[in-house]
Amino acid sequence: MEWNKIIAAILVGLLLFMGVTLMSESLFEGEEEVLLGAGEEAASETEEVMVAAGPTFNDLLVQAAANPSAGSFNKCKACHTTDQGGGHRLGPNLFEVVGSTLGSKEGYSYSSAMASKGGAWSYEALNAFLESPVSALPGTKMTFAGIRKVEERAAIIAYLRTQSSSPLELPEVAAPAEEAGG
């Protein structure tokens, strides 16, 4: 009788796992995958498609920076703080993170992948990391699935930019091209 209960518990667990997996796949069905490092030609084609499809990340960032909102950071609050001198949680305190060196917050134990990466948290690096932490930095401790909407990522980054004693300058945004044939 005890073995029946154990086997039933294992089967229920497997069914639950399969159900969650199928449900998550259906939620993200149709999402486009971005292949990094595919070459400059592929990158320029992607940029042309993005320009035709709508505003660029830089455009969205500048728009969000005009009216930054702490509410955009709500998804991140469970693991991060942003106050000056604030403590670390599951993730590091993010005060002055925009423009800082990757893996540089004192007192936080980073993954070896983050600690050895090098470079700075530029707007582009933050955008790529927030879209999919595991894809942008394999081996990271951040298990968050990522934020699919570029507008949402821009809003979070615009808010993080304000959490600094000397915010990083916003990127230059090209003026929209005049349409020919007036």
N, C-alpha and C. Protein backbone atom coordinates (compact mmCIF):
# COMPACT_ATOMS: atom_id res chain seq x y z
N MET A 1 0.82 -1.20 0.00
CA MET A 1 0.00 0.00 0.00
C MET A 1 0.87 1.27 0.00
N GLU A 2 1.96 1.28 0.78
CA GLU A 2 2.86 2.43 0.82
C GLU A 2 3.52 2.67 -0.53
N TRP A 3 3.91 1.61 -1.24
CA TRP A 3 4.54 1.77 -2.55
C TRP A 3 3.57 2.39 -3.54
N ASN A 4 2.29 2.08 -3.45
CA ASN A 4 1.29 2.67 -4.33
C ASN A 4 1.23 4.18 -4.13
N LYS A 5 1.30 4.62 -2.88
CA LYS A 5 1.26 6.05 -2.58
C LYS A 5 2.50 6.75 -3.12
N ILE A 6 3.65 6.12 -2.96
CA ILE A 6 4.91 6.71 -3.45
C ILE A 6 4.89 6.82 -4.97
N ILE A 7 4.46 5.75 -5.64
CA ILE A 7 4.41 5.76 -7.11
C ILE A 7 3.38 6.79 -7.58
N ALA A 8 2.24 6.87 -6.91
CA ALA A 8 1.22 7.85 -7.28
C ALA A 8 1.76 9.27 -7.11
N ALA A 9 2.49 9.55 -6.05
CA ALA A 9 3.06 10.88 -5.82
C ALA A 9 4.05 11.24 -6.92
N ILE A 10 4.86 10.27 -7.32
CA ILE A 10 5.84 10.51 -8.40
C ILE A 10 5.12 10.80 -9.71
N LEU A 11 4.09 10.04 -10.03
CA LEU A 11 3.34 10.24 -11.27
C LEU A 11 2.63 11.59 -11.27
N VAL A 12 2.04 11.96 -10.15
CA VAL A 12 1.36 13.27 -10.06
C VAL A 12 2.39 14.38 -10.25
N GLY A 13 3.57 14.23 -9.65
CA GLY A 13 4.62 15.22 -9.83
C GLY A 13 5.06 15.35 -11.27
N LEU A 14 5.23 14.24 -11.96
CA LEU A 14 5.61 14.26 -13.37
C LEU A 14 4.52 14.90 -14.23
N LEU A 15 3.27 14.56 -13.96
CA LEU A 15 2.17 15.16 -14.71
C LEU A 15 2.09 16.66 -14.49
N LEU A 16 2.30 17.09 -13.26
CA LEU A 16 2.30 18.51 -12.95
C LEU A 16 3.44 19.21 -13.69
N PHE A 17 4.62 18.62 -13.68
CA PHE A 17 5.77 19.19 -14.39
C PHE A 17 5.49 19.30 -15.88
N MET A 18 4.93 18.25 -16.47
CA MET A 18 4.63 18.27 -17.91
C MET A 18 3.57 19.32 -18.21
N GLY A 19 2.57 19.45 -17.35
CA GLY A 19 1.52 20.45 -17.55
C GLY A 19 2.06 21.86 -17.52
N VAL A 20 2.91 22.15 -16.55
CA VAL A 20 3.51 23.48 -16.45
C VAL A 20 4.39 23.75 -17.66
N THR A 21 5.16 22.76 -18.08
CA THR A 21 6.02 22.92 -19.26
C THR A 21 5.20 23.22 -20.50
N LEU A 22 4.14 22.47 -20.73
CA LEU A 22 3.30 22.70 -21.90
C LEU A 22 2.62 24.07 -21.83
N MET A 23 2.17 24.46 -20.64
CA MET A 23 1.52 25.75 -20.50
C MET A 23 2.49 26.89 -20.77
N SER A 24 3.72 26.79 -20.26
CA SER A 24 4.70 27.85 -20.50
C SER A 24 5.09 27.91 -21.97
N GLU A 25 5.18 26.76 -22.64
CA GLU A 25 5.48 26.77 -24.07
C GLU A 25 4.38 27.46 -24.86
N SER A 26 3.13 27.22 -24.48
CA SER A 26 2.02 27.84 -25.21
C SER A 26 1.97 29.34 -24.95
N LEU A 27 2.39 29.79 -23.76
CA LEU A 27 2.41 31.22 -23.46
C LEU A 27 3.43 31.96 -24.31
N PHE A 28 4.56 31.31 -24.57
CA PHE A 28 5.63 31.96 -25.30
C PHE A 28 5.68 31.53 -26.76
N GLU A 29 4.66 30.84 -27.24
CA GLU A 29 4.61 30.41 -28.63
C GLU A 29 4.53 31.63 -29.52
N GLY A 30 5.29 31.61 -30.59
CA GLY A 30 5.26 32.71 -31.54
C GLY A 30 6.26 33.80 -31.23
N GLU A 31 6.95 33.73 -30.10
CA GLU A 31 7.98 34.73 -29.80
C GLU A 31 9.14 34.55 -30.77
N GLU A 32 9.67 35.66 -31.25
CA GLU A 32 10.80 35.58 -32.15
C GLU A 32 12.07 35.39 -31.35
N GLU A 33 12.97 34.55 -31.85
CA GLU A 33 14.25 34.36 -31.20
C GLU A 33 15.27 35.27 -31.86
N VAL A 34 16.14 35.86 -31.04
CA VAL A 34 17.18 36.73 -31.54
C VAL A 34 18.49 35.96 -31.47
N LEU A 35 19.17 35.84 -32.59
CA LEU A 35 20.44 35.14 -32.63
C LEU A 35 21.55 36.17 -32.55
N LEU A 36 22.36 36.10 -31.52
CA LEU A 36 23.45 37.04 -31.34
C LEU A 36 24.69 36.53 -32.04
N GLY A 37 25.46 37.45 -32.57
CA GLY A 37 26.73 37.10 -33.20
C GLY A 37 26.57 36.46 -34.56
N ALA A 38 25.48 36.70 -35.23
CA ALA A 38 25.26 36.08 -36.53
C ALA A 38 25.95 36.82 -37.65
N GLY A 39 26.61 37.92 -37.34
CA GLY A 39 27.33 38.66 -38.36
C GLY A 39 26.75 40.04 -38.55
N GLU A 40 27.56 40.92 -39.12
CA GLU A 40 27.13 42.31 -39.28
C GLU A 40 25.99 42.43 -40.28
N GLU A 41 26.00 41.61 -41.32
CA GLU A 41 24.95 41.69 -42.32
C GLU A 41 23.59 41.36 -41.71
N ALA A 42 23.55 40.31 -40.90
CA ALA A 42 22.30 39.93 -40.23
C ALA A 42 21.89 41.01 -39.25
N ALA A 43 22.85 41.64 -38.57
CA ALA A 43 22.53 42.69 -37.62
C ALA A 43 21.91 43.89 -38.33
N SER A 44 22.46 44.28 -39.48
CA SER A 44 21.90 45.43 -40.19
C SER A 44 20.51 45.11 -40.72
N GLU A 45 20.26 43.87 -41.14
CA GLU A 45 18.92 43.49 -41.58
C GLU A 45 17.95 43.57 -40.41
N THR A 46 18.36 43.13 -39.24
CA THR A 46 17.53 43.18 -38.05
C THR A 46 17.21 44.62 -37.69
N GLU A 47 18.22 45.50 -37.76
CA GLU A 47 18.00 46.91 -37.44
C GLU A 47 17.01 47.53 -38.40
N GLU A 48 17.09 47.18 -39.71
CA GLU A 48 16.15 47.72 -40.69
C GLU A 48 14.74 47.27 -40.38
N VAL A 49 14.57 46.00 -39.99
CA VAL A 49 13.25 45.48 -39.65
C VAL A 49 12.72 46.18 -38.41
N MET A 50 13.59 46.40 -37.41
CA MET A 50 13.16 47.06 -36.18
C MET A 50 12.73 48.49 -36.45
N VAL A 51 13.47 49.21 -37.30
CA VAL A 51 13.12 50.58 -37.63
C VAL A 51 11.77 50.61 -38.34
N ALA A 52 11.54 49.68 -39.25
CA ALA A 52 10.28 49.65 -39.97
C ALA A 52 9.12 49.26 -39.04
N ALA A 53 9.41 48.42 -38.02
CA ALA A 53 8.38 47.93 -37.13
C ALA A 53 8.00 48.94 -36.06
N GLY A 54 8.85 49.87 -35.73
CA GLY A 54 8.52 50.83 -34.68
C GLY A 54 9.75 51.48 -34.12
N PRO A 55 9.59 52.13 -32.97
CA PRO A 55 10.71 52.84 -32.38
C PRO A 55 11.83 51.90 -31.93
N THR A 56 13.04 52.41 -31.93
CA THR A 56 14.19 51.62 -31.50
C THR A 56 14.24 51.60 -29.97
N PHE A 57 15.10 50.76 -29.43
CA PHE A 57 15.29 50.72 -27.98
C PHE A 57 15.70 52.09 -27.46
N ASN A 58 16.63 52.75 -28.15
CA ASN A 58 17.07 54.08 -27.70
C ASN A 58 15.93 55.08 -27.68
N ASP A 59 15.06 55.03 -28.69
CA ASP A 59 13.89 55.91 -28.71
C ASP A 59 13.01 55.65 -27.49
N LEU A 60 12.76 54.39 -27.21
CA LEU A 60 11.91 54.01 -26.08
C LEU A 60 12.55 54.40 -24.76
N LEU A 61 13.87 54.25 -24.65
CA LEU A 61 14.58 54.62 -23.43
C LEU A 61 14.47 56.12 -23.17
N VAL A 62 14.69 56.92 -24.20
CA VAL A 62 14.60 58.37 -24.05
C VAL A 62 13.17 58.78 -23.68
N GLN A 63 12.18 58.15 -24.30
CA GLN A 63 10.78 58.43 -23.95
C GLN A 63 10.49 58.07 -22.49
N ALA A 64 10.94 56.90 -22.06
CA ALA A 64 10.71 56.46 -20.68
C ALA A 64 11.45 57.34 -19.69
N ALA A 65 12.64 57.83 -20.07
CA ALA A 65 13.43 58.67 -19.18
C ALA A 65 12.79 60.03 -18.95
N ALA A 66 11.90 60.45 -19.85
CA ALA A 66 11.21 61.72 -19.68
C ALA A 66 10.26 61.68 -18.47
N ASN A 67 9.79 60.48 -18.12
CA ASN A 67 8.89 60.32 -16.99
C ASN A 67 9.14 58.96 -16.32
N PRO A 68 10.32 58.78 -15.70
CA PRO A 68 10.64 57.47 -15.11
C PRO A 68 9.70 57.13 -13.95
N SER A 69 9.38 55.86 -13.84
CA SER A 69 8.43 55.42 -12.83
C SER A 69 9.00 54.28 -11.99
N ALA A 70 8.89 54.40 -10.68
CA ALA A 70 9.33 53.34 -9.78
C ALA A 70 8.48 52.10 -9.98
N GLY A 71 7.24 52.26 -10.47
CA GLY A 71 6.36 51.13 -10.70
C GLY A 71 6.90 50.16 -11.74
N SER A 72 7.70 50.65 -12.65
CA SER A 72 8.27 49.77 -13.68
C SER A 72 9.22 48.76 -13.06
N PHE A 73 9.73 49.07 -11.87
CA PHE A 73 10.71 48.22 -11.20
C PHE A 73 10.06 47.16 -10.30
N ASN A 74 8.74 47.13 -10.24
CA ASN A 74 8.05 46.22 -9.32
C ASN A 74 8.43 44.76 -9.48
N LYS A 75 8.64 44.29 -10.70
CA LYS A 75 9.03 42.89 -10.92
C LYS A 75 10.38 42.57 -10.31
N CYS A 76 11.20 43.57 -10.12
CA CYS A 76 12.57 43.38 -9.67
C CYS A 76 12.72 43.48 -8.15
N LYS A 77 11.72 44.08 -7.49
CA LYS A 77 11.82 44.38 -6.06
C LYS A 77 11.97 43.14 -5.18
N ALA A 78 11.49 42.02 -5.62
CA ALA A 78 11.60 40.82 -4.79
C ALA A 78 13.05 40.41 -4.57
N CYS A 79 13.91 40.73 -5.52
CA CYS A 79 15.31 40.30 -5.44
C CYS A 79 16.32 41.44 -5.32
N HIS A 80 15.91 42.67 -5.63
CA HIS A 80 16.86 43.79 -5.68
C HIS A 80 16.33 45.01 -4.92
N THR A 81 17.25 45.80 -4.40
CA THR A 81 16.94 47.11 -3.84
C THR A 81 17.64 48.15 -4.71
N THR A 82 17.19 49.41 -4.60
CA THR A 82 17.82 50.47 -5.40
C THR A 82 18.23 51.66 -4.55
N ASP A 83 18.00 51.62 -3.26
CA ASP A 83 18.32 52.77 -2.43
C ASP A 83 19.82 52.87 -2.16
N GLN A 84 20.31 54.10 -2.06
CA GLN A 84 21.73 54.32 -1.81
C GLN A 84 22.11 53.69 -0.48
N GLY A 85 23.14 52.86 -0.48
CA GLY A 85 23.59 52.18 0.72
C GLY A 85 22.72 51.00 1.11
N GLY A 86 21.74 50.68 0.27
CA GLY A 86 20.83 49.57 0.56
C GLY A 86 21.55 48.23 0.52
N GLY A 87 20.98 47.29 1.23
CA GLY A 87 21.58 45.97 1.29
C GLY A 87 21.24 45.12 0.08
N HIS A 88 21.94 44.03 -0.03
CA HIS A 88 21.69 43.07 -1.09
C HIS A 88 20.57 42.14 -0.65
N ARG A 89 19.85 41.62 -1.59
CA ARG A 89 18.85 40.59 -1.34
C ARG A 89 19.35 39.35 -2.07
N LEU A 90 18.43 38.66 -2.72
CA LEU A 90 18.84 37.52 -3.54
C LEU A 90 19.78 38.00 -4.65
N GLY A 91 19.52 39.21 -5.15
CA GLY A 91 20.38 39.87 -6.13
C GLY A 91 21.02 41.09 -5.49
N PRO A 92 21.99 41.70 -6.15
CA PRO A 92 22.70 42.85 -5.57
C PRO A 92 21.84 44.12 -5.56
N ASN A 93 22.20 45.05 -4.71
CA ASN A 93 21.60 46.38 -4.70
C ASN A 93 21.95 47.04 -6.03
N LEU A 94 21.00 47.71 -6.66
CA LEU A 94 21.21 48.25 -8.01
C LEU A 94 21.39 49.77 -8.04
N PHE A 95 21.68 50.40 -6.89
CA PHE A 95 21.95 51.83 -6.90
C PHE A 95 23.22 52.07 -7.70
N GLU A 96 23.16 52.98 -8.64
CA GLU A 96 24.27 53.33 -9.53
C GLU A 96 24.75 52.16 -10.39
N VAL A 97 23.83 51.27 -10.77
CA VAL A 97 24.22 50.14 -11.60
C VAL A 97 24.43 50.55 -13.06
N VAL A 98 23.63 51.51 -13.56
CA VAL A 98 23.75 51.92 -14.96
C VAL A 98 25.10 52.60 -15.18
N GLY A 99 25.92 52.00 -16.02
CA GLY A 99 27.25 52.51 -16.32
C GLY A 99 28.34 51.90 -15.46
N SER A 100 27.96 51.12 -14.44
CA SER A 100 28.98 50.52 -13.57
C SER A 100 29.58 49.27 -14.21
N THR A 101 30.66 48.79 -13.62
CA THR A 101 31.32 47.58 -14.10
C THR A 101 30.49 46.36 -13.69
N LEU A 102 30.36 45.40 -14.59
CA LEU A 102 29.64 44.17 -14.27
C LEU A 102 30.27 43.48 -13.07
N GLY A 103 29.43 42.99 -12.18
CA GLY A 103 29.91 42.22 -11.04
C GLY A 103 30.75 43.02 -10.06
N SER A 104 30.43 44.31 -9.88
CA SER A 104 31.31 45.16 -9.07
C SER A 104 30.72 45.60 -7.73
N LYS A 105 29.54 45.17 -7.37
CA LYS A 105 28.94 45.60 -6.10
C LYS A 105 29.61 44.88 -4.94
N GLU A 106 30.23 45.65 -4.06
CA GLU A 106 30.93 45.07 -2.92
C GLU A 106 29.96 44.35 -2.00
N GLY A 107 30.41 43.22 -1.49
CA GLY A 107 29.62 42.48 -0.52
C GLY A 107 28.63 41.52 -1.14
N TYR A 108 28.57 41.46 -2.46
CA TYR A 108 27.66 40.53 -3.11
C TYR A 108 28.48 39.41 -3.76
N SER A 109 28.03 38.20 -3.61
CA SER A 109 28.73 37.04 -4.16
C SER A 109 28.18 36.72 -5.55
N TYR A 110 28.88 37.19 -6.58
CA TYR A 110 28.45 36.98 -7.96
C TYR A 110 28.81 35.59 -8.45
N SER A 111 28.11 35.14 -9.48
CA SER A 111 28.47 33.89 -10.15
C SER A 111 29.82 34.10 -10.82
N SER A 112 30.53 33.03 -11.08
CA SER A 112 31.83 33.16 -11.75
C SER A 112 31.65 33.74 -13.15
N ALA A 113 30.53 33.44 -13.79
CA ALA A 113 30.26 33.99 -15.13
C ALA A 113 30.17 35.51 -15.08
N MET A 114 29.46 36.05 -14.09
CA MET A 114 29.31 37.50 -13.97
C MET A 114 30.63 38.13 -13.54
N ALA A 115 31.30 37.53 -12.57
CA ALA A 115 32.54 38.10 -12.05
C ALA A 115 33.64 38.15 -13.11
N SER A 116 33.64 37.22 -14.03
CA SER A 116 34.71 37.17 -15.04
C SER A 116 34.33 37.84 -16.36
N LYS A 117 33.10 38.27 -16.51
CA LYS A 117 32.62 38.83 -17.78
C LYS A 117 33.36 40.11 -18.18
N GLY A 118 33.46 41.06 -17.26
CA GLY A 118 34.08 42.33 -17.60
C GLY A 118 33.13 43.21 -18.38
N GLY A 119 33.51 44.44 -18.56
CA GLY A 119 32.67 45.38 -19.29
C GLY A 119 31.79 46.18 -18.34
N ALA A 120 30.93 46.99 -18.92
CA ALA A 120 30.08 47.88 -18.12
C ALA A 120 28.61 47.62 -18.42
N TRP A 121 27.77 48.00 -17.48
CA TRP A 121 26.32 47.92 -17.66
C TRP A 121 25.86 49.12 -18.49
N SER A 122 26.12 49.07 -19.77
CA SER A 122 25.63 50.09 -20.70
C SER A 122 24.14 49.87 -20.88
N TYR A 123 23.49 50.80 -21.52
CA TYR A 123 22.05 50.64 -21.79
C TYR A 123 21.81 49.39 -22.62
N GLU A 124 22.66 49.16 -23.61
CA GLU A 124 22.50 47.99 -24.48
C GLU A 124 22.73 46.68 -23.71
N ALA A 125 23.74 46.67 -22.84
CA ALA A 125 24.02 45.47 -22.05
C ALA A 125 22.88 45.16 -21.10
N LEU A 126 22.34 46.18 -20.45
CA LEU A 126 21.20 45.99 -19.55
C LEU A 126 19.98 45.49 -20.33
N ASN A 127 19.75 46.05 -21.50
CA ASN A 127 18.62 45.63 -22.33
C ASN A 127 18.73 44.15 -22.69
N ALA A 128 19.90 43.73 -23.13
CA ALA A 128 20.09 42.33 -23.51
C ALA A 128 19.96 41.42 -22.29
N PHE A 129 20.51 41.82 -21.16
CA PHE A 129 20.46 41.00 -19.96
C PHE A 129 19.02 40.87 -19.44
N LEU A 130 18.28 41.97 -19.43
CA LEU A 130 16.91 41.91 -18.94
C LEU A 130 15.99 41.13 -19.87
N GLU A 131 16.32 41.10 -21.15
CA GLU A 131 15.51 40.33 -22.10
C GLU A 131 15.61 38.85 -21.79
N SER A 132 16.81 38.37 -21.52
CA SER A 132 17.01 36.96 -21.19
C SER A 132 18.35 36.81 -20.48
N PRO A 133 18.35 36.88 -19.14
CA PRO A 133 19.61 36.81 -18.40
C PRO A 133 20.45 35.58 -18.74
N VAL A 134 19.81 34.43 -18.85
CA VAL A 134 20.55 33.19 -19.10
C VAL A 134 21.16 33.17 -20.50
N SER A 135 20.48 33.74 -21.49
CA SER A 135 21.04 33.80 -22.84
C SER A 135 22.15 34.84 -22.95
N ALA A 136 21.95 35.98 -22.30
CA ALA A 136 22.94 37.06 -22.37
C ALA A 136 24.21 36.71 -21.61
N LEU A 137 24.07 35.95 -20.52
CA LEU A 137 25.23 35.61 -19.70
C LEU A 137 25.07 34.19 -19.16
N PRO A 138 25.39 33.19 -19.99
CA PRO A 138 25.28 31.81 -19.53
C PRO A 138 26.10 31.59 -18.25
N GLY A 139 25.47 30.95 -17.27
CA GLY A 139 26.13 30.71 -15.99
C GLY A 139 25.76 31.71 -14.92
N THR A 140 24.92 32.70 -15.26
CA THR A 140 24.50 33.68 -14.27
C THR A 140 23.65 33.01 -13.19
N LYS A 141 23.65 33.59 -11.98
CA LYS A 141 22.81 33.08 -10.90
C LYS A 141 21.38 33.58 -11.05
N MET A 142 21.16 34.59 -11.89
CA MET A 142 19.82 35.16 -12.03
C MET A 142 18.95 34.19 -12.82
N THR A 143 17.95 33.63 -12.14
CA THR A 143 17.09 32.63 -12.76
C THR A 143 15.84 33.23 -13.36
N PHE A 144 15.70 34.55 -13.33
CA PHE A 144 14.54 35.25 -13.88
C PHE A 144 14.45 34.95 -15.38
N ALA A 145 13.24 34.68 -15.85
CA ALA A 145 13.04 34.30 -17.26
C ALA A 145 13.35 35.43 -18.23
N GLY A 146 13.19 36.66 -17.79
CA GLY A 146 13.45 37.79 -18.67
C GLY A 146 12.18 38.57 -18.96
N ILE A 147 12.36 39.70 -19.62
CA ILE A 147 11.24 40.59 -19.96
C ILE A 147 11.18 40.69 -21.47
N ARG A 148 10.12 40.19 -22.05
CA ARG A 148 9.99 40.13 -23.51
C ARG A 148 9.74 41.49 -24.15
N LYS A 149 8.95 42.35 -23.51
CA LYS A 149 8.58 43.63 -24.13
C LYS A 149 9.69 44.66 -23.99
N VAL A 150 10.15 45.16 -25.12
CA VAL A 150 11.24 46.13 -25.13
C VAL A 150 10.82 47.42 -24.41
N GLU A 151 9.54 47.78 -24.49
CA GLU A 151 9.05 48.99 -23.81
C GLU A 151 9.20 48.85 -22.29
N GLU A 152 8.92 47.67 -21.80
CA GLU A 152 9.03 47.41 -20.36
C GLU A 152 10.49 47.44 -19.91
N ARG A 153 11.38 46.85 -20.72
CA ARG A 153 12.80 46.89 -20.40
C ARG A 153 13.31 48.33 -20.39
N ALA A 154 12.89 49.12 -21.36
CA ALA A 154 13.31 50.52 -21.43
C ALA A 154 12.83 51.29 -20.20
N ALA A 155 11.62 51.02 -19.74
CA ALA A 155 11.08 51.70 -18.56
C ALA A 155 11.87 51.34 -17.30
N ILE A 156 12.22 50.08 -17.17
CA ILE A 156 13.01 49.64 -16.00
C ILE A 156 14.39 50.28 -16.02
N ILE A 157 15.02 50.29 -17.19
CA ILE A 157 16.36 50.86 -17.31
C ILE A 157 16.32 52.37 -17.08
N ALA A 158 15.28 53.04 -17.57
CA ALA A 158 15.12 54.48 -17.33
C ALA A 158 14.99 54.75 -15.83
N TYR A 159 14.25 53.91 -15.12
CA TYR A 159 14.14 54.08 -13.67
C TYR A 159 15.48 53.82 -12.99
N LEU A 160 16.17 52.74 -13.38
CA LEU A 160 17.47 52.44 -12.78
C LEU A 160 18.46 53.59 -13.00
N ARG A 161 18.35 54.25 -14.14
CA ARG A 161 19.22 55.39 -14.45
C ARG A 161 19.05 56.49 -13.41
N THR A 162 17.82 56.67 -12.91
CA THR A 162 17.56 57.73 -11.92
C THR A 162 18.10 57.36 -10.55
N GLN A 163 18.41 56.09 -10.33
CA GLN A 163 18.91 55.64 -9.05
C GLN A 163 20.43 55.77 -9.03
N SER A 164 20.89 57.00 -9.13
CA SER A 164 22.31 57.30 -9.21
C SER A 164 22.54 58.74 -8.79
N SER A 165 23.70 59.00 -8.20
CA SER A 165 24.02 60.38 -7.86
C SER A 165 24.47 61.16 -9.09
N SER A 166 24.91 60.47 -10.14
CA SER A 166 25.26 61.13 -11.40
C SER A 166 24.84 60.22 -12.56
N PRO A 167 23.56 60.33 -12.98
CA PRO A 167 23.03 59.44 -14.03
C PRO A 167 23.82 59.50 -15.33
N LEU A 168 23.96 58.35 -15.96
CA LEU A 168 24.61 58.23 -17.26
C LEU A 168 23.78 58.99 -18.30
N GLU A 169 24.48 59.66 -19.22
CA GLU A 169 23.77 60.40 -20.28
C GLU A 169 22.94 59.45 -21.12
N LEU A 170 21.82 59.94 -21.57
CA LEU A 170 20.97 59.14 -22.45
C LEU A 170 21.60 59.06 -23.83
N PRO A 171 21.31 57.99 -24.58
CA PRO A 171 21.87 57.88 -25.94
C PRO A 171 21.25 58.92 -26.86
N GLU A 172 22.01 59.25 -27.89
CA GLU A 172 21.50 60.16 -28.91
C GLU A 172 20.42 59.44 -29.71
N VAL A 173 19.37 60.16 -30.02
CA VAL A 173 18.30 59.59 -30.83
C VAL A 173 18.25 60.36 -32.12
N ALA A 174 18.31 59.63 -33.23
CA ALA A 174 18.28 60.26 -34.55
C ALA A 174 16.90 60.86 -34.80
N ALA A 175 16.89 62.02 -35.40
CA ALA A 175 15.63 62.64 -35.76
C ALA A 175 14.97 61.82 -36.85
N PRO A 176 13.65 61.71 -36.82
CA PRO A 176 12.98 60.92 -37.86
C PRO A 176 13.24 61.51 -39.24
N ALA A 177 13.47 60.63 -40.20
CA ALA A 177 13.74 61.08 -41.57
C ALA A 177 12.47 61.65 -42.18
N GLU A 178 12.63 62.74 -42.91
CA GLU A 178 11.50 63.36 -43.61
C GLU A 178 11.08 62.47 -44.76
N GLU A 179 9.80 62.32 -44.94
CA GLU A 179 9.32 61.49 -46.03
C GLU A 179 9.46 62.24 -47.34
N ALA A 180 9.93 61.54 -48.37
CA ALA A 180 10.12 62.15 -49.68
C ALA A 180 8.79 62.34 -50.38
N GLY A 181 8.70 63.31 -51.21
CA GLY A 181 7.51 63.52 -52.04
C GLY A 181 6.44 64.35 -51.36
N GLY A 182 6.74 64.99 -50.18
CA GLY A 182 5.94 65.88 -49.39
C GLY A 182 4.59 66.02 -49.74
